[in-house]
Amino acid sequence: MNTPIFYDGSGARLKGENIIKKQTDLSSLKGIFQDNRSFIEMNPTETVYEVEMHENGLQEGDKGGLFFGISHIFPGKVGSEYFMTRGHTHQNKDTGEYYWGLKGNGLLLLIYPNKKLVVEDVKPNSLHYIPGNVAHRLINTGNEKLSVGACWLTESGHNYDKHLFNVKVIEENGKAKVVLI
């Protein structure tokens, strides 16, 4: 019998057995942020984001299954550039994904194969469909943790090529600004 997992709505956390947690700190995001001088001056062990996933016994690449998780992007900046996830496309390019905002405020960057850029506001109760073959990244533009739920196919896989994104989100005059690089 499977042990159920629970969603703690107030804290945007998964609770119960069979929860995997992974943290990503600044040291593993070298080359992602534009301002290398500010990056070098920061604490390399500072956590930028963490992911919680339900361990359902399936492996990446298995056919016909689903993964479910929550990404938590912490508030912060490298220079004027907001903290963000590494961003990715799916190795199985035809597979899509759903995101939904749970807590905090931020942006979802979508870059289509024809280089078309779509920027969507992410906030509590927002729902976002990410089509197959589209690069996607979350950015925390707020002052509190941005928590975003996700559901994707086990067969999707991940391609974390840092050259997928030709855009950065910076703070300028107290507001988020999308800049092409």
C-alpha atoms as a PDB file:
ATOM      1  CA  MET A   1       0.000   0.000   0.000  1.00  0.00           C
ATOM      2  CA  ASN A   2       1.325   3.454  -0.926  1.00  0.00           C
ATOM      3  CA  THR A   3       1.694   6.060   1.796  1.00  0.00           C
ATOM      4  CA  PRO A   4      -0.139   9.256   0.795  1.00  0.00           C
ATOM      5  CA  ILE A   5       1.630  12.579   0.463  1.00  0.00           C
ATOM      6  CA  PHE A   6       0.050  15.803   1.572  1.00  0.00           C
ATOM      7  CA  TYR A   7       0.275  19.337   0.356  1.00  0.00           C
ATOM      8  CA  ASP A   8       0.649  21.995   3.039  1.00  0.00           C
ATOM      9  CA  GLY A   9      -1.097  24.945   1.403  1.00  0.00           C
ATOM     10  CA  SER A  10       0.080  27.507   3.936  1.00  0.00           C
ATOM     11  CA  GLY A  11       3.748  26.680   3.487  1.00  0.00           C
ATOM     12  CA  ALA A  12       3.607  25.355  -0.090  1.00  0.00           C
ATOM     13  CA  ARG A  13       5.387  22.172   0.976  1.00  0.00           C
ATOM     14  CA  LEU A  14       4.946  18.459   0.413  1.00  0.00           C
ATOM     15  CA  LYS A  15       4.598  16.411   3.583  1.00  0.00           C
ATOM     16  CA  GLY A  16       4.790  12.717   4.286  1.00  0.00           C
ATOM     17  CA  GLU A  17       7.061   9.851   3.376  1.00  0.00           C
ATOM     18  CA  ASN A  18       8.582   9.423  -0.081  1.00  0.00           C
ATOM     19  CA  ILE A  19       9.559  13.070  -0.590  1.00  0.00           C
ATOM     20  CA  ILE A  20      12.867  13.809  -2.346  1.00  0.00           C
ATOM     21  CA  LYS A  21      14.452  17.233  -1.738  1.00  0.00           C
ATOM     22  CA  LYS A  22      17.242  18.714  -3.841  1.00  0.00           C
ATOM     23  CA  GLN A  23      18.940  22.085  -3.361  1.00  0.00           C
ATOM     24  CA  THR A  24      20.772  24.166  -5.941  1.00  0.00           C
ATOM     25  CA  ASP A  25      23.308  26.659  -4.649  1.00  0.00           C
ATOM     26  CA  LEU A  26      25.170  29.459  -6.386  1.00  0.00           C
ATOM     27  CA  SER A  27      28.288  27.372  -6.987  1.00  0.00           C
ATOM     28  CA  SER A  28      26.368  25.056  -9.329  1.00  0.00           C
ATOM     29  CA  LEU A  29      24.966  27.986 -11.349  1.00  0.00           C
ATOM     30  CA  LYS A  30      28.290  29.341 -12.602  1.00  0.00           C
ATOM     31  CA  GLY A  31      27.822  30.879 -16.057  1.00  0.00           C
ATOM     32  CA  ILE A  32      24.061  31.302 -15.646  1.00  0.00           C
ATOM     33  CA  PHE A  33      24.123  34.865 -14.278  1.00  0.00           C
ATOM     34  CA  GLN A  34      25.328  37.730 -16.447  1.00  0.00           C
ATOM     35  CA  ASP A  35      27.235  39.704 -13.770  1.00  0.00           C
ATOM     36  CA  ASN A  36      30.241  37.450 -13.151  1.00  0.00           C
ATOM     37  CA  ARG A  37      31.976  39.962 -10.837  1.00  0.00           C
ATOM     38  CA  SER A  38      28.976  40.076  -8.461  1.00  0.00           C
ATOM     39  CA  PHE A  39      28.631  36.292  -8.749  1.00  0.00           C
ATOM     40  CA  ILE A  40      32.226  35.723  -7.591  1.00  0.00           C
ATOM     41  CA  GLU A  41      31.730  38.034  -4.588  1.00  0.00           C
ATOM     42  CA  MET A  42      28.709  36.081  -3.292  1.00  0.00           C
ATOM     43  CA  ASN A  43      28.610  33.112  -0.932  1.00  0.00           C
ATOM     44  CA  PRO A  44      28.891  30.033  -3.217  1.00  0.00           C
ATOM     45  CA  THR A  45      26.895  27.890  -0.761  1.00  0.00           C
ATOM     46  CA  GLU A  46      23.871  30.220  -0.758  1.00  0.00           C
ATOM     47  CA  THR A  47      20.790  28.279  -1.812  1.00  0.00           C
ATOM     48  CA  VAL A  48      19.099  29.770  -4.888  1.00  0.00           C
ATOM     49  CA  TYR A  49      16.328  27.188  -5.222  1.00  0.00           C
ATOM     50  CA  GLU A  50      15.191  23.805  -4.041  1.00  0.00           C
ATOM     51  CA  VAL A  51      12.877  21.183  -5.485  1.00  0.00           C
ATOM     52  CA  GLU A  52      10.647  18.722  -3.638  1.00  0.00           C
ATOM     53  CA  MET A  53       9.379  15.689  -5.544  1.00  0.00           C
ATOM     54  CA  HIS A  54       7.101  12.823  -4.711  1.00  0.00           C
ATOM     55  CA  GLU A  55       9.129   9.604  -4.942  1.00  0.00           C
ATOM     56  CA  ASN A  56       6.683   7.367  -6.790  1.00  0.00           C
ATOM     57  CA  GLY A  57       9.098   4.597  -7.753  1.00  0.00           C
ATOM     58  CA  LEU A  58       9.353   5.718 -11.376  1.00  0.00           C
ATOM     59  CA  GLN A  59      12.583   6.722 -13.104  1.00  0.00           C
ATOM     60  CA  GLU A  60      13.251   9.505 -15.602  1.00  0.00           C
ATOM     61  CA  GLY A  61      12.746   7.935 -19.016  1.00  0.00           C
ATOM     62  CA  ASP A  62       9.996   5.496 -17.948  1.00  0.00           C
ATOM     63  CA  LYS A  63       7.032   5.593 -20.332  1.00  0.00           C
ATOM     64  CA  GLY A  64       3.535   6.560 -19.253  1.00  0.00           C
ATOM     65  CA  GLY A  65       4.201   7.940 -15.776  1.00  0.00           C
ATOM     66  CA  LEU A  66       4.032  11.358 -14.147  1.00  0.00           C
ATOM     67  CA  PHE A  67       6.273  13.249 -11.761  1.00  0.00           C
ATOM     68  CA  PHE A  68       4.897  15.813  -9.299  1.00  0.00           C
ATOM     69  CA  GLY A  69       6.902  18.407  -7.424  1.00  0.00           C
ATOM     70  CA  ILE A  70       7.267  21.926  -6.081  1.00  0.00           C
ATOM     71  CA  SER A  71      10.101  24.333  -6.909  1.00  0.00           C
ATOM     72  CA  HIS A  72      11.013  27.000  -4.348  1.00  0.00           C
ATOM     73  CA  ILE A  73      13.069  29.914  -5.696  1.00  0.00           C
ATOM     74  CA  PHE A  74      14.430  32.119  -2.931  1.00  0.00           C
ATOM     75  CA  PRO A  75      14.442  35.922  -3.124  1.00  0.00           C
ATOM     76  CA  GLY A  76      17.777  37.419  -4.023  1.00  0.00           C
ATOM     77  CA  LYS A  77      19.896  38.818  -6.804  1.00  0.00           C
ATOM     78  CA  VAL A  78      23.320  38.479  -8.340  1.00  0.00           C
ATOM     79  CA  GLY A  79      24.109  42.111  -9.021  1.00  0.00           C
ATOM     80  CA  SER A  80      20.797  43.378 -10.393  1.00  0.00           C
ATOM     81  CA  GLU A  81      19.736  39.983 -11.814  1.00  0.00           C
ATOM     82  CA  TYR A  82      17.043  38.089  -9.912  1.00  0.00           C
ATOM     83  CA  PHE A  83      17.533  34.551  -8.612  1.00  0.00           C
ATOM     84  CA  MET A  84      16.211  31.955 -11.059  1.00  0.00           C
ATOM     85  CA  THR A  85      16.193  28.289 -11.874  1.00  0.00           C
ATOM     86  CA  ARG A  86      18.745  26.845 -14.271  1.00  0.00           C
ATOM     87  CA  GLY A  87      16.001  26.439 -16.885  1.00  0.00           C
ATOM     88  CA  HIS A  88      15.654  23.613 -19.359  1.00  0.00           C
ATOM     89  CA  THR A  89      13.988  22.002 -22.311  1.00  0.00           C
ATOM     90  CA  HIS A  90      12.902  18.380 -22.329  1.00  0.00           C
ATOM     91  CA  GLN A  91      15.108  15.728 -23.909  1.00  0.00           C
ATOM     92  CA  ASN A  92      11.928  14.163 -25.286  1.00  0.00           C
ATOM     93  CA  LYS A  93      11.089  17.399 -27.061  1.00  0.00           C
ATOM     94  CA  ASP A  94       7.413  16.603 -27.686  1.00  0.00           C
ATOM     95  CA  THR A  95       6.509  16.504 -23.981  1.00  0.00           C
ATOM     96  CA  GLY A  96       4.829  19.409 -22.192  1.00  0.00           C
ATOM     97  CA  GLU A  97       4.519  20.362 -18.546  1.00  0.00           C
ATOM     98  CA  TYR A  98       2.190  22.259 -16.219  1.00  0.00           C
ATOM     99  CA  TYR A  99       3.255  24.841 -13.627  1.00  0.00           C
ATOM    100  CA  TRP A 100       0.981  26.580 -11.130  1.00  0.00           C
ATOM    101  CA  GLY A 101       1.762  29.373  -8.712  1.00  0.00           C
ATOM    102  CA  LEU A 102       1.466  28.550  -5.028  1.00  0.00           C
ATOM    103  CA  LYS A 103       3.232  31.335  -3.143  1.00  0.00           C
ATOM    104  CA  GLY A 104       5.168  34.500  -3.965  1.00  0.00           C
ATOM    105  CA  ASN A 105       5.575  36.383  -7.232  1.00  0.00           C
ATOM    106  CA  GLY A 106       7.792  35.871 -10.213  1.00  0.00           C
ATOM    107  CA  LEU A 107       8.022  35.221 -13.917  1.00  0.00           C
ATOM    108  CA  LEU A 108       8.039  32.222 -16.218  1.00  0.00           C
ATOM    109  CA  LEU A 109      10.227  32.677 -19.297  1.00  0.00           C
ATOM    110  CA  LEU A 110       9.250  30.600 -22.318  1.00  0.00           C
ATOM    111  CA  ILE A 111      11.516  30.526 -25.367  1.00  0.00           C
ATOM    112  CA  TYR A 112      10.088  28.811 -28.426  1.00  0.00           C
ATOM    113  CA  PRO A 113      12.188  27.083 -31.122  1.00  0.00           C
ATOM    114  CA  ASN A 114      11.729  30.109 -33.424  1.00  0.00           C
ATOM    115  CA  LYS A 115      13.278  32.256 -30.569  1.00  0.00           C
ATOM    116  CA  LYS A 116       9.894  33.844 -29.735  1.00  0.00           C
ATOM    117  CA  LEU A 117       9.962  34.950 -26.086  1.00  0.00           C
ATOM    118  CA  VAL A 118       6.861  34.786 -23.878  1.00  0.00           C
ATOM    119  CA  VAL A 119       6.953  36.091 -20.307  1.00  0.00           C
ATOM    120  CA  GLU A 120       4.149  35.101 -17.934  1.00  0.00           C
ATOM    121  CA  ASP A 121       3.453  36.436 -14.429  1.00  0.00           C
ATOM    122  CA  VAL A 122       3.556  33.677 -11.817  1.00  0.00           C
ATOM    123  CA  LYS A 123       1.576  34.260  -8.626  1.00  0.00           C
ATOM    124  CA  PRO A 124      -0.689  32.256  -6.329  1.00  0.00           C
ATOM    125  CA  ASN A 125      -3.372  30.400  -8.322  1.00  0.00           C
ATOM    126  CA  SER A 126      -1.883  31.159 -11.754  1.00  0.00           C
ATOM    127  CA  LEU A 127      -1.725  28.188 -14.147  1.00  0.00           C
ATOM    128  CA  HIS A 128       0.870  27.819 -16.917  1.00  0.00           C
ATOM    129  CA  TYR A 129       1.062  25.275 -19.726  1.00  0.00           C
ATOM    130  CA  ILE A 130       4.520  24.744 -21.195  1.00  0.00           C
ATOM    131  CA  PRO A 131       4.291  23.123 -24.643  1.00  0.00           C
ATOM    132  CA  GLY A 132       6.829  20.599 -25.849  1.00  0.00           C
ATOM    133  CA  ASN A 133      10.086  21.879 -27.363  1.00  0.00           C
ATOM    134  CA  VAL A 134       9.957  25.123 -25.356  1.00  0.00           C
ATOM    135  CA  ALA A 135      12.768  26.235 -23.020  1.00  0.00           C
ATOM    136  CA  HIS A 136      11.449  27.377 -19.643  1.00  0.00           C
ATOM    137  CA  ARG A 137      12.836  29.056 -16.534  1.00  0.00           C
ATOM    138  CA  LEU A 138      11.360  30.495 -13.320  1.00  0.00           C
ATOM    139  CA  ILE A 139      12.541  33.819 -11.869  1.00  0.00           C
ATOM    140  CA  ASN A 140      11.710  35.157  -8.400  1.00  0.00           C
ATOM    141  CA  THR A 141      11.031  38.896  -8.731  1.00  0.00           C
ATOM    142  CA  GLY A 142       9.481  39.238  -5.268  1.00  0.00           C
ATOM    143  CA  ASN A 143      10.673  39.650  -1.700  1.00  0.00           C
ATOM    144  CA  GLU A 144       9.513  36.230  -0.482  1.00  0.00           C
ATOM    145  CA  LYS A 145      10.058  32.669  -1.639  1.00  0.00           C
ATOM    146  CA  LEU A 146       8.395  31.829  -4.987  1.00  0.00           C
ATOM    147  CA  SER A 147       6.831  28.358  -4.830  1.00  0.00           C
ATOM    148  CA  VAL A 148       5.552  26.735  -8.013  1.00  0.00           C
ATOM    149  CA  GLY A 149       3.931  23.320  -8.426  1.00  0.00           C
ATOM    150  CA  ALA A 150       4.806  21.196 -11.464  1.00  0.00           C
ATOM    151  CA  CYS A 151       3.633  18.022 -13.147  1.00  0.00           C
ATOM    152  CA  TRP A 152       5.498  16.428 -16.083  1.00  0.00           C
ATOM    153  CA  LEU A 153       5.853  13.119 -17.867  1.00  0.00           C
ATOM    154  CA  THR A 154       8.472  10.686 -16.601  1.00  0.00           C
ATOM    155  CA  GLU A 155       9.674  10.271 -20.184  1.00  0.00           C
ATOM    156  CA  SER A 156      10.367  14.017 -20.602  1.00  0.00           C
ATOM    157  CA  GLY A 157      13.985  14.122 -19.417  1.00  0.00           C
ATOM    158  CA  HIS A 158      15.885  17.380 -18.952  1.00  0.00           C
ATOM    159  CA  ASN A 159      18.346  19.346 -21.080  1.00  0.00           C
ATOM    160  CA  TYR A 160      20.016  22.048 -18.959  1.00  0.00           C
ATOM    161  CA  ASP A 161      22.065  23.661 -21.747  1.00  0.00           C
ATOM    162  CA  LYS A 162      22.843  27.153 -20.420  1.00  0.00           C
ATOM    163  CA  HIS A 163      22.807  28.512 -23.979  1.00  0.00           C
ATOM    164  CA  LEU A 164      19.046  28.015 -24.274  1.00  0.00           C
ATOM    165  CA  PHE A 165      18.344  31.448 -22.801  1.00  0.00           C
ATOM    166  CA  ASN A 166      19.300  34.723 -24.482  1.00  0.00           C
ATOM    167  CA  VAL A 167      17.404  36.804 -21.934  1.00  0.00           C
ATOM    168  CA  LYS A 168      17.942  37.939 -18.347  1.00  0.00           C
ATOM    169  CA  VAL A 169      15.585  39.548 -15.844  1.00  0.00           C
ATOM    170  CA  ILE A 170      17.062  42.420 -13.849  1.00  0.00           C
ATOM    171  CA  GLU A 171      15.792  44.918 -11.327  1.00  0.00           C
ATOM    172  CA  GLU A 172      15.752  48.437 -12.711  1.00  0.00           C
ATOM    173  CA  ASN A 173      14.202  51.345 -10.804  1.00  0.00           C
ATOM    174  CA  GLY A 174      12.554  48.876  -8.427  1.00  0.00           C
ATOM    175  CA  LYS A 175      10.842  46.878 -11.192  1.00  0.00           C
ATOM    176  CA  ALA A 176      11.602  43.707 -13.135  1.00  0.00           C
ATOM    177  CA  LYS A 177      12.902  44.316 -16.643  1.00  0.00           C
ATOM    178  CA  VAL A 178      13.471  41.650 -19.298  1.00  0.00           C
ATOM    179  CA  VAL A 179      16.710  42.229 -21.197  1.00  0.00           C
ATOM    180  CA  LEU A 180      17.878  40.415 -24.331  1.00  0.00           C
ATOM    181  CA  ILE A 181      21.573  39.517 -24.251  1.00  0.00           C
END
